[in-house]
Amino acid sequence: MMSKRRIGAAVVIDAEHAGIGILTERDLLDSIAAGEDPDAELVAHHRTEHLVYASPDWTLEDAAAAMVRGGFRHLVVVEGNDVAGLLSMRDIVRCWTPADAGAQPAAAQPAATQPVTTTA
């Protein structure tokens, strides 16, 4: 499901396991690397449960600093007892990057091919 939606993490709320968790690409890769079958494994066995939560009133700088300190790329945003969203490092980078940043800089664009003449 994550691959189909092209997302790197999903918030997991499971009535049988207290608290909010998150399942990330890294969790899936660790499971596969351990030889486990991702189609047979339960999300509850692989989700990260001990999270740092963000509040909706955090600045992007606060969120980025928490991610760097904790060594993770996703923050679950909670408001009261409800999940308000999921913030990724990519989301932050997109906010800090100009809209035209997807275009290649002039120096990185392939140069038109010109014949080169050398003298011997």
C-alpha atoms as a PDB file:
ATOM      1  CA  MET A   1       0.000   0.000   0.000  1.00  0.00           C
ATOM      2  CA  MET A   2       2.817   2.458   0.823  1.00  0.00           C
ATOM      3  CA  SER A   3       4.536   1.749  -2.481  1.00  0.00           C
ATOM      4  CA  LYS A   4       1.325   2.205  -4.462  1.00  0.00           C
ATOM      5  CA  ARG A   5       0.741   5.569  -2.782  1.00  0.00           C
ATOM      6  CA  ARG A   6       4.441   6.510  -3.114  1.00  0.00           C
ATOM      7  CA  ILE A   7       4.822   7.332   0.584  1.00  0.00           C
ATOM      8  CA  GLY A   8       7.708   6.512   2.897  1.00  0.00           C
ATOM      9  CA  ALA A   9       5.821   6.211   6.184  1.00  0.00           C
ATOM     10  CA  ALA A  10       2.378   5.562   7.621  1.00  0.00           C
ATOM     11  CA  VAL A  11       0.885   6.306  11.024  1.00  0.00           C
ATOM     12  CA  VAL A  12      -0.286   3.114  12.724  1.00  0.00           C
ATOM     13  CA  ILE A  13      -3.065   3.102  15.296  1.00  0.00           C
ATOM     14  CA  ASP A  14      -3.806  -0.361  16.632  1.00  0.00           C
ATOM     15  CA  ALA A  15      -6.436  -0.989  19.301  1.00  0.00           C
ATOM     16  CA  GLU A  16      -4.466  -4.029  20.529  1.00  0.00           C
ATOM     17  CA  HIS A  17      -1.239  -2.060  21.016  1.00  0.00           C
ATOM     18  CA  ALA A  18      -1.440   1.103  23.074  1.00  0.00           C
ATOM     19  CA  GLY A  19      -0.212   4.323  21.577  1.00  0.00           C
ATOM     20  CA  ILE A  20       0.487   5.634  18.129  1.00  0.00           C
ATOM     21  CA  GLY A  21       3.145   4.032  15.990  1.00  0.00           C
ATOM     22  CA  ILE A  22       4.723   4.597  12.626  1.00  0.00           C
ATOM     23  CA  LEU A  23       5.778   2.179   9.917  1.00  0.00           C
ATOM     24  CA  THR A  24       8.551   3.426   7.647  1.00  0.00           C
ATOM     25  CA  GLU A  25      10.396   2.206   4.585  1.00  0.00           C
ATOM     26  CA  ARG A  26      13.319   1.488   6.882  1.00  0.00           C
ATOM     27  CA  ASP A  27      11.144  -0.796   9.045  1.00  0.00           C
ATOM     28  CA  LEU A  28      10.105  -2.708   5.925  1.00  0.00           C
ATOM     29  CA  LEU A  29      13.688  -2.984   4.653  1.00  0.00           C
ATOM     30  CA  ASP A  30      14.899  -4.240   8.043  1.00  0.00           C
ATOM     31  CA  SER A  31      12.217  -6.947   7.987  1.00  0.00           C
ATOM     32  CA  ILE A  32      13.079  -8.018   4.448  1.00  0.00           C
ATOM     33  CA  ALA A  33      16.801  -8.005   5.249  1.00  0.00           C
ATOM     34  CA  ALA A  34      16.056 -10.334   8.175  1.00  0.00           C
ATOM     35  CA  GLY A  35      14.522 -12.778   5.684  1.00  0.00           C
ATOM     36  CA  GLU A  36      10.935 -12.154   6.750  1.00  0.00           C
ATOM     37  CA  ASP A  37       8.066 -12.261   4.255  1.00  0.00           C
ATOM     38  CA  PRO A  38       6.450  -8.799   4.136  1.00  0.00           C
ATOM     39  CA  ASP A  39       3.170 -10.331   2.971  1.00  0.00           C
ATOM     40  CA  ALA A  40       3.012 -12.551   6.068  1.00  0.00           C
ATOM     41  CA  GLU A  41       4.358 -10.190   8.749  1.00  0.00           C
ATOM     42  CA  LEU A  42       2.083  -8.047  10.929  1.00  0.00           C
ATOM     43  CA  VAL A  43       2.593  -4.283  10.959  1.00  0.00           C
ATOM     44  CA  ALA A  44       2.305  -4.358  14.765  1.00  0.00           C
ATOM     45  CA  HIS A  45       5.547  -6.365  14.959  1.00  0.00           C
ATOM     46  CA  HIS A  46       7.548  -3.842  12.940  1.00  0.00           C
ATOM     47  CA  ARG A  47       6.149  -0.426  13.700  1.00  0.00           C
ATOM     48  CA  THR A  48       8.178   2.067  15.705  1.00  0.00           C
ATOM     49  CA  GLU A  49       6.318   2.756  18.939  1.00  0.00           C
ATOM     50  CA  HIS A  50       8.490   5.169  20.912  1.00  0.00           C
ATOM     51  CA  LEU A  51       8.056   8.365  18.977  1.00  0.00           C
ATOM     52  CA  VAL A  52       8.816  12.029  19.295  1.00  0.00           C
ATOM     53  CA  TYR A  53       5.600  13.888  18.546  1.00  0.00           C
ATOM     54  CA  ALA A  54       5.281  17.355  17.071  1.00  0.00           C
ATOM     55  CA  SER A  55       2.612  19.888  17.901  1.00  0.00           C
ATOM     56  CA  PRO A  56       0.852  21.843  15.139  1.00  0.00           C
ATOM     57  CA  ASP A  57       2.342  25.044  16.538  1.00  0.00           C
ATOM     58  CA  TRP A  58       5.962  23.909  16.025  1.00  0.00           C
ATOM     59  CA  THR A  59       7.967  25.810  13.452  1.00  0.00           C
ATOM     60  CA  LEU A  60       9.645  23.955  10.611  1.00  0.00           C
ATOM     61  CA  GLU A  61      12.939  24.723  12.351  1.00  0.00           C
ATOM     62  CA  ASP A  62      11.673  23.018  15.530  1.00  0.00           C
ATOM     63  CA  ALA A  63      10.597  19.959  13.532  1.00  0.00           C
ATOM     64  CA  ALA A  64      13.853  19.758  11.564  1.00  0.00           C
ATOM     65  CA  ALA A  65      15.914  20.102  14.759  1.00  0.00           C
ATOM     66  CA  ALA A  66      13.939  17.287  16.442  1.00  0.00           C
ATOM     67  CA  MET A  67      14.499  15.053  13.405  1.00  0.00           C
ATOM     68  CA  VAL A  68      18.233  15.742  13.330  1.00  0.00           C
ATOM     69  CA  ARG A  69      18.581  15.190  17.095  1.00  0.00           C
ATOM     70  CA  GLY A  70      16.591  11.951  16.969  1.00  0.00           C
ATOM     71  CA  GLY A  71      18.023  10.630  13.700  1.00  0.00           C
ATOM     72  CA  PHE A  72      14.641  10.104  12.040  1.00  0.00           C
ATOM     73  CA  ARG A  73      12.887  11.509   8.967  1.00  0.00           C
ATOM     74  CA  HIS A  74       9.228  11.584  10.039  1.00  0.00           C
ATOM     75  CA  LEU A  75       7.299  13.273  12.845  1.00  0.00           C
ATOM     76  CA  VAL A  76       3.750  12.422  13.829  1.00  0.00           C
ATOM     77  CA  VAL A  77       1.880  15.652  14.528  1.00  0.00           C
ATOM     78  CA  VAL A  78      -0.649  15.362  17.344  1.00  0.00           C
ATOM     79  CA  GLU A  79      -3.228  17.800  18.581  1.00  0.00           C
ATOM     80  CA  GLY A  80      -4.620  16.759  21.935  1.00  0.00           C
ATOM     81  CA  ASN A  81      -5.196  13.003  21.604  1.00  0.00           C
ATOM     82  CA  ASP A  82      -5.708  13.079  17.840  1.00  0.00           C
ATOM     83  CA  VAL A  83      -3.267  12.565  15.002  1.00  0.00           C
ATOM     84  CA  ALA A  84      -3.222  15.791  12.998  1.00  0.00           C
ATOM     85  CA  GLY A  85      -0.741  14.642  10.376  1.00  0.00           C
ATOM     86  CA  LEU A  86       2.637  13.267   9.459  1.00  0.00           C
ATOM     87  CA  LEU A  87       5.534  15.575   8.603  1.00  0.00           C
ATOM     88  CA  SER A  88       8.528  14.310   6.681  1.00  0.00           C
ATOM     89  CA  MET A  89      11.961  15.778   6.121  1.00  0.00           C
ATOM     90  CA  ARG A  90      10.990  15.951   2.444  1.00  0.00           C
ATOM     91  CA  ASP A  91       7.993  18.142   3.361  1.00  0.00           C
ATOM     92  CA  ILE A  92      10.304  20.544   5.165  1.00  0.00           C
ATOM     93  CA  VAL A  93      12.810  20.647   2.320  1.00  0.00           C
ATOM     94  CA  ARG A  94       9.999  21.386  -0.140  1.00  0.00           C
ATOM     95  CA  CYS A  95       8.876  24.330   2.001  1.00  0.00           C
ATOM     96  CA  TRP A  96      12.410  25.710   2.150  1.00  0.00           C
ATOM     97  CA  THR A  97      13.106  25.224  -1.539  1.00  0.00           C
ATOM     98  CA  PRO A  98      11.978  27.678  -4.236  1.00  0.00           C
ATOM     99  CA  ALA A  99       9.255  26.371  -6.556  1.00  0.00           C
ATOM    100  CA  ASP A 100      11.565  26.512  -9.569  1.00  0.00           C
ATOM    101  CA  ALA A 101      14.265  24.430  -7.860  1.00  0.00           C
ATOM    102  CA  GLY A 102      13.223  21.382  -9.878  1.00  0.00           C
ATOM    103  CA  ALA A 103      14.691  22.984 -12.985  1.00  0.00           C
ATOM    104  CA  GLN A 104      18.334  22.265 -13.646  1.00  0.00           C
ATOM    105  CA  PRO A 105      20.698  25.191 -13.096  1.00  0.00           C
ATOM    106  CA  ALA A 106      22.220  26.508 -16.326  1.00  0.00           C
ATOM    107  CA  ALA A 107      25.630  25.053 -15.445  1.00  0.00           C
ATOM    108  CA  ALA A 108      24.143  21.575 -14.985  1.00  0.00           C
ATOM    109  CA  GLN A 109      22.193  21.552 -18.254  1.00  0.00           C
ATOM    110  CA  PRO A 110      23.801  19.602 -21.053  1.00  0.00           C
ATOM    111  CA  ALA A 111      25.701  21.895 -23.373  1.00  0.00           C
ATOM    112  CA  ALA A 112      24.873  21.903 -27.041  1.00  0.00           C
ATOM    113  CA  THR A 113      27.367  19.741 -28.824  1.00  0.00           C
ATOM    114  CA  GLN A 114      29.793  21.717 -30.927  1.00  0.00           C
ATOM    115  CA  PRO A 115      32.466  20.237 -33.117  1.00  0.00           C
ATOM    116  CA  VAL A 116      35.885  20.581 -31.590  1.00  0.00           C
ATOM    117  CA  THR A 117      38.773  21.413 -33.876  1.00  0.00           C
ATOM    118  CA  THR A 118      42.293  20.805 -32.755  1.00  0.00           C
ATOM    119  CA  THR A 119      45.508  21.697 -34.461  1.00  0.00           C
ATOM    120  CA  ALA A 120      48.416  19.373 -34.480  1.00  0.00           C
END
